[in-house]
Amino acid sequence: MHANKWEEIIYQIEEKFGIDNHRTEDFVVAEQHTGEKIMGQKEIVEFKGPLGKIKLEKISQPKIIDKKVLTSRRIGGKAVVDYIFSTEEKTEYIKIYRWDESTQNWTEIKNNEIT
C-alpha cells in the first residue's frame, strides 16, 4: 500500500465520520534464536461508522527474504528456524476490525464480509 493511499483513506474517514483515536504502536514481529528482536509498526485508526465502531490497522514490517533452519544431529537436539529479514524493504497490509458488543472484543472483518 502506498503512503498516499493510506493518507487518503484516513482523510476520507475524518471527513465522513470523524476519528475517535489515531495512534502508532511498535510490536515484535519475530525473535531470532540469538535473542535479536525484529520490530514492526502498527498505525491504528478508530472511528464510528455505519457498521458501528471500526478499527483499521496498517501493519508495516520488514520483508522476509529467506528462511534458515538450524538443526543438530544429536539425540534430543532441537531445530530452530530463523527468518532473514530485509533491512530496506517493508511489507504493508491493512486489517479491519469491528467492535462486538456481546463479547466486548474486536472481531476481524474478512474481505468477503465487506459489502
PDB file of N, CA and C in Angstrom:
ATOM      1  N   MET A   1       0.848  -1.176   0.000  1.00  0.00           N
ATOM      2  CA  MET A   1       0.000   0.000   0.000  1.00  0.00           C
ATOM      3  C   MET A   1       0.886   1.229   0.000  1.00  0.00           C
ATOM      4  N   HIS A   2       0.544   2.168  -0.854  1.00  0.00           N
ATOM      5  CA  HIS A   2       1.284   3.417  -0.935  1.00  0.00           C
ATOM      6  C   HIS A   2       0.866   4.341   0.203  1.00  0.00           C
ATOM      7  N   ALA A   3       1.821   5.143   0.662  1.00  0.00           N
ATOM      8  CA  ALA A   3       1.552   6.077   1.764  1.00  0.00           C
ATOM      9  C   ALA A   3       0.449   7.059   1.392  1.00  0.00           C
ATOM     10  N   ASN A   4       0.421   7.487   0.132  1.00  0.00           N
ATOM     11  CA  ASN A   4      -0.602   8.444  -0.299  1.00  0.00           C
ATOM     12  C   ASN A   4      -1.999   7.839  -0.195  1.00  0.00           C
ATOM     13  N   LYS A   5      -2.145   6.579  -0.535  1.00  0.00           N
ATOM     14  CA  LYS A   5      -3.451   5.905  -0.477  1.00  0.00           C
ATOM     15  C   LYS A   5      -3.922   5.808   0.985  1.00  0.00           C
ATOM     16  N   TRP A   6      -3.020   5.443   1.887  1.00  0.00           N
ATOM     17  CA  TRP A   6      -3.371   5.350   3.311  1.00  0.00           C
ATOM     18  C   TRP A   6      -3.799   6.717   3.841  1.00  0.00           C
ATOM     19  N   GLU A   7      -3.056   7.761   3.505  1.00  0.00           N
ATOM     20  CA  GLU A   7      -3.406   9.113   3.946  1.00  0.00           C
ATOM     21  C   GLU A   7      -4.754   9.543   3.375  1.00  0.00           C
ATOM     22  N   GLU A   8      -5.040   9.138   2.155  1.00  0.00           N
ATOM     23  CA  GLU A   8      -6.329   9.453   1.535  1.00  0.00           C
ATOM     24  C   GLU A   8      -7.477   8.751   2.266  1.00  0.00           C
ATOM     25  N   ILE A   9      -7.259   7.499   2.664  1.00  0.00           N
ATOM     26  CA  ILE A   9      -8.280   6.752   3.417  1.00  0.00           C
ATOM     27  C   ILE A   9      -8.550   7.441   4.751  1.00  0.00           C
ATOM     28  N   ILE A  10      -7.497   7.823   5.453  1.00  0.00           N
ATOM     29  CA  ILE A  10      -7.651   8.498   6.750  1.00  0.00           C
ATOM     30  C   ILE A  10      -8.387   9.825   6.575  1.00  0.00           C
ATOM     31  N   TYR A  11      -8.050  10.568   5.528  1.00  0.00           N
ATOM     32  CA  TYR A  11      -8.702  11.847   5.263  1.00  0.00           C
ATOM     33  C   TYR A  11     -10.200  11.650   5.017  1.00  0.00           C
ATOM     34  N   GLN A  12     -10.559  10.635   4.209  1.00  0.00           N
ATOM     35  CA  GLN A  12     -11.964  10.373   3.914  1.00  0.00           C
ATOM     36  C   GLN A  12     -12.735   9.956   5.169  1.00  0.00           C
ATOM     37  N   ILE A  13     -12.117   9.151   6.011  1.00  0.00           N
ATOM     38  CA  ILE A  13     -12.761   8.739   7.266  1.00  0.00           C
ATOM     39  C   ILE A  13     -12.995   9.956   8.151  1.00  0.00           C
ATOM     40  N   GLU A  14     -11.976  10.810   8.242  1.00  0.00           N
ATOM     41  CA  GLU A  14     -12.099  12.003   9.091  1.00  0.00           C
ATOM     42  C   GLU A  14     -13.197  12.938   8.579  1.00  0.00           C
ATOM     43  N   GLU A  15     -13.311  13.077   7.262  1.00  0.00           N
ATOM     44  CA  GLU A  15     -14.337  13.939   6.671  1.00  0.00           C
ATOM     45  C   GLU A  15     -15.744  13.393   6.892  1.00  0.00           C
ATOM     46  N   LYS A  16     -15.929  12.076   6.721  1.00  0.00           N
ATOM     47  CA  LYS A  16     -17.265  11.481   6.781  1.00  0.00           C
ATOM     48  C   LYS A  16     -17.720  11.151   8.201  1.00  0.00           C
ATOM     49  N   PHE A  17     -16.822  10.606   9.026  1.00  0.00           N
ATOM     50  CA  PHE A  17     -17.238  10.080  10.325  1.00  0.00           C
ATOM     51  C   PHE A  17     -16.547  10.734  11.510  1.00  0.00           C
ATOM     52  N   GLY A  18     -15.370  11.280  11.324  1.00  0.00           N
ATOM     53  CA  GLY A  18     -14.572  11.778  12.440  1.00  0.00           C
ATOM     54  C   GLY A  18     -13.756  10.640  13.022  1.00  0.00           C
ATOM     55  N   ILE A  19     -12.585  10.939  13.522  1.00  0.00           N
ATOM     56  CA  ILE A  19     -11.694   9.916  14.079  1.00  0.00           C
ATOM     57  C   ILE A  19     -11.722  10.013  15.595  1.00  0.00           C
ATOM     58  N   ASP A  20     -12.006   8.868  16.252  1.00  0.00           N
ATOM     59  CA  ASP A  20     -12.018   8.814  17.714  1.00  0.00           C
ATOM     60  C   ASP A  20     -10.613   8.653  18.284  1.00  0.00           C
ATOM     61  N   ASN A  21      -9.772   7.857  17.614  1.00  0.00           N
ATOM     62  CA  ASN A  21      -8.446   7.556  18.137  1.00  0.00           C
ATOM     63  C   ASN A  21      -7.514   7.284  16.957  1.00  0.00           C
ATOM     64  N   HIS A  22      -6.323   7.885  16.968  1.00  0.00           N
ATOM     65  CA  HIS A  22      -5.314   7.670  15.936  1.00  0.00           C
ATOM     66  C   HIS A  22      -3.970   7.562  16.640  1.00  0.00           C
ATOM     67  N   ARG A  23      -3.363   6.367  16.576  1.00  0.00           N
ATOM     68  CA  ARG A  23      -2.110   6.160  17.299  1.00  0.00           C
ATOM     69  C   ARG A  23      -1.195   5.210  16.518  1.00  0.00           C
ATOM     70  N   THR A  24       0.065   5.159  16.948  1.00  0.00           N
ATOM     71  CA  THR A  24       1.062   4.267  16.361  1.00  0.00           C
ATOM     72  C   THR A  24       1.648   3.409  17.471  1.00  0.00           C
ATOM     73  N   GLU A  25       1.821   2.109  17.194  1.00  0.00           N
ATOM     74  CA  GLU A  25       2.391   1.181  18.171  1.00  0.00           C
ATOM     75  C   GLU A  25       3.493   0.362  17.513  1.00  0.00           C
ATOM     76  N   ASP A  26       4.543   0.072  18.266  1.00  0.00           N
ATOM     77  CA  ASP A  26       5.581  -0.852  17.821  1.00  0.00           C
ATOM     78  C   ASP A  26       5.252  -2.235  18.363  1.00  0.00           C
ATOM     79  N   PHE A  27       5.609  -3.290  17.607  1.00  0.00           N
ATOM     80  CA  PHE A  27       5.384  -4.657  18.064  1.00  0.00           C
ATOM     81  C   PHE A  27       6.523  -5.545  17.576  1.00  0.00           C
ATOM     82  N   VAL A  28       6.682  -6.698  18.234  1.00  0.00           N
ATOM     83  CA  VAL A  28       7.732  -7.652  17.877  1.00  0.00           C
ATOM     84  C   VAL A  28       7.205  -8.565  16.781  1.00  0.00           C
ATOM     85  N   VAL A  29       7.859  -8.553  15.616  1.00  0.00           N
ATOM     86  CA  VAL A  29       7.482  -9.410  14.500  1.00  0.00           C
ATOM     87  C   VAL A  29       8.020 -10.815  14.734  1.00  0.00           C
ATOM     88  N   ALA A  30       9.291 -10.908  15.113  1.00  0.00           N
ATOM     89  CA  ALA A  30       9.934 -12.203  15.345  1.00  0.00           C
ATOM     90  C   ALA A  30      11.096 -12.010  16.303  1.00  0.00           C
ATOM     91  N   GLU A  31      11.482 -13.101  16.923  1.00  0.00           N
ATOM     92  CA  GLU A  31      12.656 -13.089  17.784  1.00  0.00           C
ATOM     93  C   GLU A  31      13.590 -14.195  17.300  1.00  0.00           C
ATOM     94  N   GLN A  32      14.808 -13.819  16.949  1.00  0.00           N
ATOM     95  CA  GLN A  32      15.789 -14.781  16.455  1.00  0.00           C
ATOM     96  C   GLN A  32      16.310 -15.632  17.602  1.00  0.00           C
ATOM     97  N   HIS A  33      16.943 -16.753  17.288  1.00  0.00           N
ATOM     98  CA  HIS A  33      17.472 -17.634  18.338  1.00  0.00           C
ATOM     99  C   HIS A  33      18.595 -16.961  19.116  1.00  0.00           C
ATOM    100  N   THR A  34      19.170 -15.906  18.564  1.00  0.00           N
ATOM    101  CA  THR A  34      20.225 -15.158  19.247  1.00  0.00           C
ATOM    102  C   THR A  34      19.654 -14.139  20.236  1.00  0.00           C
ATOM    103  N   GLY A  35      18.324 -13.969  20.220  1.00  0.00           N
ATOM    104  CA  GLY A  35      17.683 -13.020  21.111  1.00  0.00           C
ATOM    105  C   GLY A  35      17.363 -11.691  20.446  1.00  0.00           C
ATOM    106  N   GLU A  36      17.830 -11.507  19.216  1.00  0.00           N
ATOM    107  CA  GLU A  36      17.547 -10.266  18.486  1.00  0.00           C
ATOM    108  C   GLU A  36      16.061 -10.193  18.152  1.00  0.00           C
ATOM    109  N   LYS A  37      15.454  -9.030  18.417  1.00  0.00           N
ATOM    110  CA  LYS A  37      14.035  -8.834  18.135  1.00  0.00           C
ATOM    111  C   LYS A  37      13.878  -8.009  16.865  1.00  0.00           C
ATOM    112  N   ILE A  38      13.018  -8.505  15.971  1.00  0.00           N
ATOM    113  CA  ILE A  38      12.694  -7.782  14.736  1.00  0.00           C
ATOM    114  C   ILE A  38      11.393  -7.036  15.013  1.00  0.00           C
ATOM    115  N   MET A  39      11.430  -5.713  14.831  1.00  0.00           N
ATOM    116  CA  MET A  39      10.290  -4.880  15.186  1.00  0.00           C
ATOM    117  C   MET A  39       9.503  -4.443  13.949  1.00  0.00           C
ATOM    118  N   GLY A  40       8.196  -4.284  14.154  1.00  0.00           N
ATOM    119  CA  GLY A  40       7.299  -3.748  13.139  1.00  0.00           C
ATOM    120  C   GLY A  40       6.515  -2.596  13.742  1.00  0.00           C
ATOM    121  N   GLN A  41       5.650  -1.997  12.952  1.00  0.00           N
ATOM    122  CA  GLN A  41       4.881  -0.853  13.435  1.00  0.00           C
ATOM    123  C   GLN A  41       3.443  -0.943  12.948  1.00  0.00           C
ATOM    124  N   LYS A  42       2.501  -0.599  13.840  1.00  0.00           N
ATOM    125  CA  LYS A  42       1.079  -0.545  13.507  1.00  0.00           C
ATOM    126  C   LYS A  42       0.601   0.887  13.637  1.00  0.00           C
ATOM    127  N   GLU A  43      -0.124   1.343  12.618  1.00  0.00           N
ATOM    128  CA  GLU A  43      -0.814   2.629  12.706  1.00  0.00           C
ATOM    129  C   GLU A  43      -2.297   2.294  12.841  1.00  0.00           C
ATOM    130  N   ILE A  44      -2.913   2.738  13.930  1.00  0.00           N
ATOM    131  CA  ILE A  44      -4.280   2.347  14.264  1.00  0.00           C
ATOM    132  C   ILE A  44      -5.198   3.564  14.214  1.00  0.00           C
ATOM    133  N   VAL A  45      -6.340   3.385  13.520  1.00  0.00           N
ATOM    134  CA  VAL A  45      -7.352   4.441  13.423  1.00  0.00           C
ATOM    135  C   VAL A  45      -8.679   3.839  13.861  1.00  0.00           C
ATOM    136  N   GLU A  46      -9.350   4.481  14.843  1.00  0.00           N
ATOM    137  CA  GLU A  46     -10.661   4.026  15.317  1.00  0.00           C
ATOM    138  C   GLU A  46     -11.688   5.114  15.030  1.00  0.00           C
ATOM    139  N   PHE A  47     -12.876   4.678  14.575  1.00  0.00           N
ATOM    140  CA  PHE A  47     -13.953   5.619  14.287  1.00  0.00           C
ATOM    141  C   PHE A  47     -15.291   4.902  14.376  1.00  0.00           C
ATOM    142  N   LYS A  48     -16.366   5.692  14.436  1.00  0.00           N
ATOM    143  CA  LYS A  48     -17.723   5.152  14.433  1.00  0.00           C
ATOM    144  C   LYS A  48     -18.302   5.364  13.045  1.00  0.00           C
ATOM    145  N   GLY A  49     -18.617   4.265  12.379  1.00  0.00           N
ATOM    146  CA  GLY A  49     -19.161   4.315  11.027  1.00  0.00           C
ATOM    147  C   GLY A  49     -20.548   3.706  10.994  1.00  0.00           C
ATOM    148  N   PRO A  50     -21.077   3.456   9.799  1.00  0.00           N
ATOM    149  CA  PRO A  50     -22.423   2.881   9.675  1.00  0.00           C
ATOM    150  C   PRO A  50     -22.518   1.449  10.199  1.00  0.00           C
ATOM    151  N   LEU A  51     -21.381   0.741  10.284  1.00  0.00           N
ATOM    152  CA  LEU A  51     -21.372  -0.628  10.816  1.00  0.00           C
ATOM    153  C   LEU A  51     -21.099  -0.665  12.313  1.00  0.00           C
ATOM    154  N   GLY A  52     -20.952   0.486  12.937  1.00  0.00           N
ATOM    155  CA  GLY A  52     -20.632   0.562  14.360  1.00  0.00           C
ATOM    156  C   GLY A  52     -19.201   1.041  14.543  1.00  0.00           C
ATOM    157  N   LYS A  53     -18.595   0.657  15.649  1.00  0.00           N
ATOM    158  CA  LYS A  53     -17.231   1.071  15.946  1.00  0.00           C
ATOM    159  C   LYS A  53     -16.261   0.219  15.122  1.00  0.00           C
ATOM    160  N   ILE A  54     -15.385   0.874  14.351  1.00  0.00           N
ATOM    161  CA  ILE A  54     -14.474   0.210  13.431  1.00  0.00           C
ATOM    162  C   ILE A  54     -13.039   0.593  13.779  1.00  0.00           C
ATOM    163  N   LYS A  55     -12.128  -0.380  13.606  1.00  0.00           N
ATOM    164  CA  LYS A  55     -10.699  -0.124  13.812  1.00  0.00           C
ATOM    165  C   LYS A  55      -9.940  -0.580  12.569  1.00  0.00           C
ATOM    166  N   LEU A  56      -9.129   0.312  12.005  1.00  0.00           N
ATOM    167  CA  LEU A  56      -8.242  -0.014  10.889  1.00  0.00           C
ATOM    168  C   LEU A  56      -6.818  -0.082  11.416  1.00  0.00           C
ATOM    169  N   GLU A  57      -6.086  -1.114  11.015  1.00  0.00           N
ATOM    170  CA  GLU A  57      -4.677  -1.235  11.370  1.00  0.00           C
ATOM    171  C   GLU A  57      -3.858  -1.334  10.096  1.00  0.00           C
ATOM    172  N   LYS A  58      -2.920  -0.417   9.927  1.00  0.00           N
ATOM    173  CA  LYS A  58      -1.943  -0.535   8.837  1.00  0.00           C
ATOM    174  C   LYS A  58      -0.680  -1.100   9.467  1.00  0.00           C
ATOM    175  N   ILE A  59      -0.324  -2.321   9.070  1.00  0.00           N
ATOM    176  CA  ILE A  59       0.807  -3.028   9.652  1.00  0.00           C
ATOM    177  C   ILE A  59       1.976  -2.949   8.690  1.00  0.00           C
ATOM    178  N   SER A  60       3.107  -2.504   9.188  1.00  0.00           N
ATOM    179  CA  SER A  60       4.326  -2.366   8.402  1.00  0.00           C
ATOM    180  C   SER A  60       5.428  -3.143   9.108  1.00  0.00           C
ATOM    181  N   GLN A  61       6.041  -4.086   8.363  1.00  0.00           N
ATOM    182  CA  GLN A  61       7.094  -4.897   8.956  1.00  0.00           C
ATOM    183  C   GLN A  61       8.138  -5.224   7.895  1.00  0.00           C
ATOM    184  N   PRO A  62       9.357  -5.593   8.320  1.00  0.00           N
ATOM    185  CA  PRO A  62      10.390  -5.931   7.334  1.00  0.00           C
ATOM    186  C   PRO A  62       9.976  -7.153   6.506  1.00  0.00           C
ATOM    187  N   LYS A  63      10.372  -7.151   5.241  1.00  0.00           N
ATOM    188  CA  LYS A  63      10.041  -8.242   4.330  1.00  0.00           C
ATOM    189  C   LYS A  63      10.934  -9.452   4.607  1.00  0.00           C
ATOM    190  N   ILE A  64      10.331 -10.644   4.633  1.00  0.00           N
ATOM    191  CA  ILE A  64      11.094 -11.881   4.812  1.00  0.00           C
ATOM    192  C   ILE A  64      11.717 -12.229   3.465  1.00  0.00           C
ATOM    193  N   ILE A  65      13.047 -12.385   3.445  1.00  0.00           N
ATOM    194  CA  ILE A  65      13.711 -12.702   2.184  1.00  0.00           C
ATOM    195  C   ILE A  65      14.273 -14.123   2.162  1.00  0.00           C
ATOM    196  N   ASP A  66      14.407 -14.760   3.329  1.00  0.00           N
ATOM    197  CA  ASP A  66      14.919 -16.126   3.359  1.00  0.00           C
ATOM    198  C   ASP A  66      14.585 -16.767   4.700  1.00  0.00           C
ATOM    199  N   LYS A  67      14.719 -18.092   4.728  1.00  0.00           N
ATOM    200  CA  LYS A  67      14.473 -18.843   5.963  1.00  0.00           C
ATOM    201  C   LYS A  67      15.674 -19.757   6.176  1.00  0.00           C
ATOM    202  N   LYS A  68      16.209 -19.754   7.398  1.00  0.00           N
ATOM    203  CA  LYS A  68      17.363 -20.581   7.722  1.00  0.00           C
ATOM    204  C   LYS A  68      16.956 -21.546   8.838  1.00  0.00           C
ATOM    205  N   VAL A  69      17.153 -22.841   8.599  1.00  0.00           N
ATOM    206  CA  VAL A  69      16.825 -23.860   9.587  1.00  0.00           C
ATOM    207  C   VAL A  69      18.119 -24.347  10.209  1.00  0.00           C
ATOM    208  N   LEU A  70      18.224 -24.215  11.519  1.00  0.00           N
ATOM    209  CA  LEU A  70      19.409 -24.659  12.253  1.00  0.00           C
ATOM    210  C   LEU A  70      19.049 -25.928  13.020  1.00  0.00           C
ATOM    211  N   THR A  71      19.760 -27.015  12.720  1.00  0.00           N
ATOM    212  CA  THR A  71      19.484 -28.291  13.382  1.00  0.00           C
ATOM    213  C   THR A  71      20.773 -28.884  13.909  1.00  0.00           C
ATOM    214  N   SER A  72      20.617 -29.847  14.803  1.00  0.00           N
ATOM    215  CA  SER A  72      21.774 -30.635  15.244  1.00  0.00           C
ATOM    216  C   SER A  72      21.410 -32.103  15.079  1.00  0.00           C
ATOM    217  N   ARG A  73      22.415 -32.942  14.908  1.00  0.00           N
ATOM    218  CA  ARG A  73      22.164 -34.368  14.699  1.00  0.00           C
ATOM    219  C   ARG A  73      22.238 -35.161  16.004  1.00  0.00           C
ATOM    220  N   ARG A  74      22.272 -34.474  17.106  1.00  0.00           N
ATOM    221  CA  ARG A  74      22.324 -35.144  18.401  1.00  0.00           C
ATOM    222  C   ARG A  74      20.938 -35.611  18.817  1.00  0.00           C
ATOM    223  N   ILE A  75      20.918 -36.621  19.658  1.00  0.00           N
ATOM    224  CA  ILE A  75      19.645 -37.088  20.200  1.00  0.00           C
ATOM    225  C   ILE A  75      19.100 -36.006  21.126  1.00  0.00           C
ATOM    226  N   GLY A  76      17.859 -35.676  20.941  1.00  0.00           N
ATOM    227  CA  GLY A  76      17.226 -34.640  21.755  1.00  0.00           C
ATOM    228  C   GLY A  76      17.530 -33.233  21.279  1.00  0.00           C
ATOM    229  N   GLY A  77      18.305 -33.106  20.210  1.00  0.00           N
ATOM    230  CA  GLY A  77      18.599 -31.777  19.659  1.00  0.00           C
ATOM    231  C   GLY A  77      17.343 -31.188  19.052  1.00  0.00           C
ATOM    232  N   LYS A  78      17.273 -29.894  19.063  1.00  0.00           N
ATOM    233  CA  LYS A  78      16.071 -29.264  18.515  1.00  0.00           C
ATOM    234  C   LYS A  78      16.417 -28.426  17.286  1.00  0.00           C
ATOM    235  N   ALA A  79      15.417 -28.241  16.462  1.00  0.00           N
ATOM    236  CA  ALA A  79      15.582 -27.423  15.263  1.00  0.00           C
ATOM    237  C   ALA A  79      15.090 -26.012  15.556  1.00  0.00           C
ATOM    238  N   VAL A  80      15.789 -25.042  15.014  1.00  0.00           N
ATOM    239  CA  VAL A  80      15.428 -23.641  15.176  1.00  0.00           C
ATOM    240  C   VAL A  80      15.293 -23.029  13.784  1.00  0.00           C
ATOM    241  N   VAL A  81      14.221 -22.290  13.565  1.00  0.00           N
ATOM    242  CA  VAL A  81      14.020 -21.613  12.290  1.00  0.00           C
ATOM    243  C   VAL A  81      14.241 -20.122  12.501  1.00  0.00           C
ATOM    244  N   ASP A  82      15.196 -19.582  11.757  1.00  0.00           N
ATOM    245  CA  ASP A  82      15.454 -18.146  11.768  1.00  0.00           C
ATOM    246  C   ASP A  82      15.044 -17.583  10.415  1.00  0.00           C
ATOM    247  N   TYR A  83      14.267 -16.514  10.449  1.00  0.00           N
ATOM    248  CA  TYR A  83      13.907 -15.837   9.217  1.00  0.00           C
ATOM    249  C   TYR A  83      14.894 -14.706   8.994  1.00  0.00           C
ATOM    250  N   ILE A  84      15.263 -14.501   7.751  1.00  0.00           N
ATOM    251  CA  ILE A  84      16.161 -13.409   7.396  1.00  0.00           C
ATOM    252  C   ILE A  84      15.293 -12.302   6.816  1.00  0.00           C
ATOM    253  N   PHE A  85      15.363 -11.140   7.450  1.00  0.00           N
ATOM    254  CA  PHE A  85      14.531 -10.003   7.063  1.00  0.00           C
ATOM    255  C   PHE A  85      15.354  -8.977   6.299  1.00  0.00           C
ATOM    256  N   SER A  86      14.719  -8.317   5.354  1.00  0.00           N
ATOM    257  CA  SER A  86      15.357  -7.258   4.588  1.00  0.00           C
ATOM    258  C   SER A  86      15.508  -6.016   5.459  1.00  0.00           C
ATOM    259  N   THR A  87      16.611  -5.332   5.299  1.00  0.00           N
ATOM    260  CA  THR A  87      16.822  -4.090   6.046  1.00  0.00           C
ATOM    261  C   THR A  87      16.245  -2.890   5.292  1.00  0.00           C
ATOM    262  N   GLU A  88      15.927  -3.080   3.999  1.00  0.00           N
ATOM    263  CA  GLU A  88      15.453  -1.965   3.188  1.00  0.00           C
ATOM    264  C   GLU A  88      13.987  -2.076   2.793  1.00  0.00           C
ATOM    265  N   GLU A  89      13.512  -3.294   2.504  1.00  0.00           N
ATOM    266  CA  GLU A  89      12.152  -3.463   2.020  1.00  0.00           C
ATOM    267  C   GLU A  89      11.182  -3.741   3.167  1.00  0.00           C
ATOM    268  N   LYS A  90       9.960  -3.237   3.019  1.00  0.00           N
ATOM    269  CA  LYS A  90       8.905  -3.422   4.014  1.00  0.00           C
ATOM    270  C   LYS A  90       7.697  -4.086   3.374  1.00  0.00           C
ATOM    271  N   THR A  91       6.949  -4.809   4.180  1.00  0.00           N
ATOM    272  CA  THR A  91       5.671  -5.365   3.780  1.00  0.00           C
ATOM    273  C   THR A  91       4.603  -4.601   4.542  1.00  0.00           C
ATOM    274  N   GLU A  92       3.577  -4.140   3.828  1.00  0.00           N
ATOM    275  CA  GLU A  92       2.495  -3.387   4.465  1.00  0.00           C
ATOM    276  C   GLU A  92       1.157  -3.977   4.061  1.00  0.00           C
ATOM    277  N   TYR A  93       0.253  -4.080   5.035  1.00  0.00           N
ATOM    278  CA  TYR A  93      -1.102  -4.547   4.766  1.00  0.00           C
ATOM    279  C   TYR A  93      -2.049  -3.954   5.798  1.00  0.00           C
ATOM    280  N   ILE A  94      -3.345  -4.047   5.493  1.00  0.00           N
ATOM    281  CA  ILE A  94      -4.369  -3.458   6.361  1.00  0.00           C
ATOM    282  C   ILE A  94      -5.269  -4.558   6.906  1.00  0.00           C
ATOM    283  N   LYS A  95      -5.617  -4.432   8.182  1.00  0.00           N
ATOM    284  CA  LYS A  95      -6.625  -5.288   8.804  1.00  0.00           C
ATOM    285  C   LYS A  95      -7.761  -4.398   9.294  1.00  0.00           C
ATOM    286  N   ILE A  96      -8.985  -4.915   9.177  1.00  0.00           N
ATOM    287  CA  ILE A  96     -10.171  -4.162   9.599  1.00  0.00           C
ATOM    288  C   ILE A  96     -10.882  -4.953  10.692  1.00  0.00           C
ATOM    289  N   TYR A  97     -11.244  -4.258  11.778  1.00  0.00           N
ATOM    290  CA  TYR A  97     -11.927  -4.882  12.902  1.00  0.00           C
ATOM    291  C   TYR A  97     -13.227  -4.147  13.201  1.00  0.00           C
ATOM    292  N   ARG A  98     -14.202  -4.886  13.719  1.00  0.00           N
ATOM    293  CA  ARG A  98     -15.474  -4.314  14.174  1.00  0.00           C
ATOM    294  C   ARG A  98     -15.615  -4.643  15.664  1.00  0.00           C
ATOM    295  N   TRP A  99     -16.086  -3.681  16.448  1.00  0.00           N
ATOM    296  CA  TRP A  99     -16.304  -3.882  17.874  1.00  0.00           C
ATOM    297  C   TRP A  99     -17.556  -4.715  18.077  1.00  0.00           C
ATOM    298  N   ASP A 100     -17.413  -5.827  18.791  1.00  0.00           N
ATOM    299  CA  ASP A 100     -18.531  -6.718  19.081  1.00  0.00           C
ATOM    300  C   ASP A 100     -19.004  -6.438  20.506  1.00  0.00           C
ATOM    301  N   GLU A 101     -20.198  -5.879  20.639  1.00  0.00           N
ATOM    302  CA  GLU A 101     -20.739  -5.508  21.951  1.00  0.00           C
ATOM    303  C   GLU A 101     -20.977  -6.727  22.842  1.00  0.00           C
ATOM    304  N   SER A 102     -21.360  -7.852  22.246  1.00  0.00           N
ATOM    305  CA  SER A 102     -21.688  -9.034  23.058  1.00  0.00           C
ATOM    306  C   SER A 102     -20.450  -9.622  23.730  1.00  0.00           C
ATOM    307  N   THR A 103     -19.297  -9.632  23.029  1.00  0.00           N
ATOM    308  CA  THR A 103     -18.081 -10.211  23.615  1.00  0.00           C
ATOM    309  C   THR A 103     -17.129  -9.145  24.146  1.00  0.00           C
ATOM    310  N   GLN A 104     -17.439  -7.868  23.872  1.00  0.00           N
ATOM    311  CA  GLN A 104     -16.571  -6.753  24.272  1.00  0.00           C
ATOM    312  C   GLN A 104     -15.149  -6.939  23.724  1.00  0.00           C
ATOM    313  N   ASN A 105     -15.059  -7.374  22.458  1.00  0.00           N
ATOM    314  CA  ASN A 105     -13.773  -7.591  21.782  1.00  0.00           C
ATOM    315  C   ASN A 105     -13.841  -7.103  20.347  1.00  0.00           C
ATOM    316  N   TRP A 106     -12.656  -6.892  19.757  1.00  0.00           N
ATOM    317  CA  TRP A 106     -12.566  -6.579  18.340  1.00  0.00           C
ATOM    318  C   TRP A 106     -12.627  -7.876  17.551  1.00  0.00           C
ATOM    319  N   THR A 107     -13.457  -7.902  16.503  1.00  0.00           N
ATOM    320  CA  THR A 107     -13.593  -9.057  15.623  1.00  0.00           C
ATOM    321  C   THR A 107     -13.116  -8.641  14.241  1.00  0.00           C
ATOM    322  N   GLU A 108     -12.195  -9.425  13.671  1.00  0.00           N
ATOM    323  CA  GLU A 108     -11.662  -9.082  12.353  1.00  0.00           C
ATOM    324  C   GLU A 108     -12.717  -9.290  11.274  1.00  0.00           C
ATOM    325  N   ILE A 109     -12.799  -8.341  10.366  1.00  0.00           N
ATOM    326  CA  ILE A 109     -13.693  -8.422   9.219  1.00  0.00           C
ATOM    327  C   ILE A 109     -12.870  -8.937   8.043  1.00  0.00           C
ATOM    328  N   LYS A 110     -13.277 -10.054   7.478  1.00  0.00           N
ATOM    329  CA  LYS A 110     -12.565 -10.627   6.330  1.00  0.00           C
ATOM    330  C   LYS A 110     -13.003  -9.925   5.050  1.00  0.00           C
ATOM    331  N   ASN A 111     -12.229 -10.058   3.997  1.00  0.00           N
ATOM    332  CA  ASN A 111     -12.532  -9.400   2.722  1.00  0.00           C
ATOM    333  C   ASN A 111     -13.894  -9.762   2.180  1.00  0.00           C
ATOM    334  N   ASN A 112     -14.305 -11.035   2.315  1.00  0.00           N
ATOM    335  CA  ASN A 112     -15.588 -11.456   1.748  1.00  0.00           C
ATOM    336  C   ASN A 112     -16.778 -10.980   2.580  1.00  0.00           C
ATOM    337  N   GLU A 113     -16.545 -10.431   3.775  1.00  0.00           N
ATOM    338  CA  GLU A 113     -17.638  -9.946   4.624  1.00  0.00           C
ATOM    339  C   GLU A 113     -17.968  -8.479   4.367  1.00  0.00           C
ATOM    340  N   ILE A 114     -17.099  -7.778   3.648  1.00  0.00           N
ATOM    341  CA  ILE A 114     -17.292  -6.352   3.406  1.00  0.00           C
ATOM    342  C   ILE A 114     -18.267  -6.192   2.237  1.00  0.00           C
ATOM    343  N   THR A 115     -19.347  -5.449   2.468  1.00  0.00           N
ATOM    344  CA  THR A 115     -20.316  -5.222   1.391  1.00  0.00           C
ATOM    345  C   THR A 115     -20.583  -3.744   1.239  1.00  0.00           C
TER     346      THR A 115
END
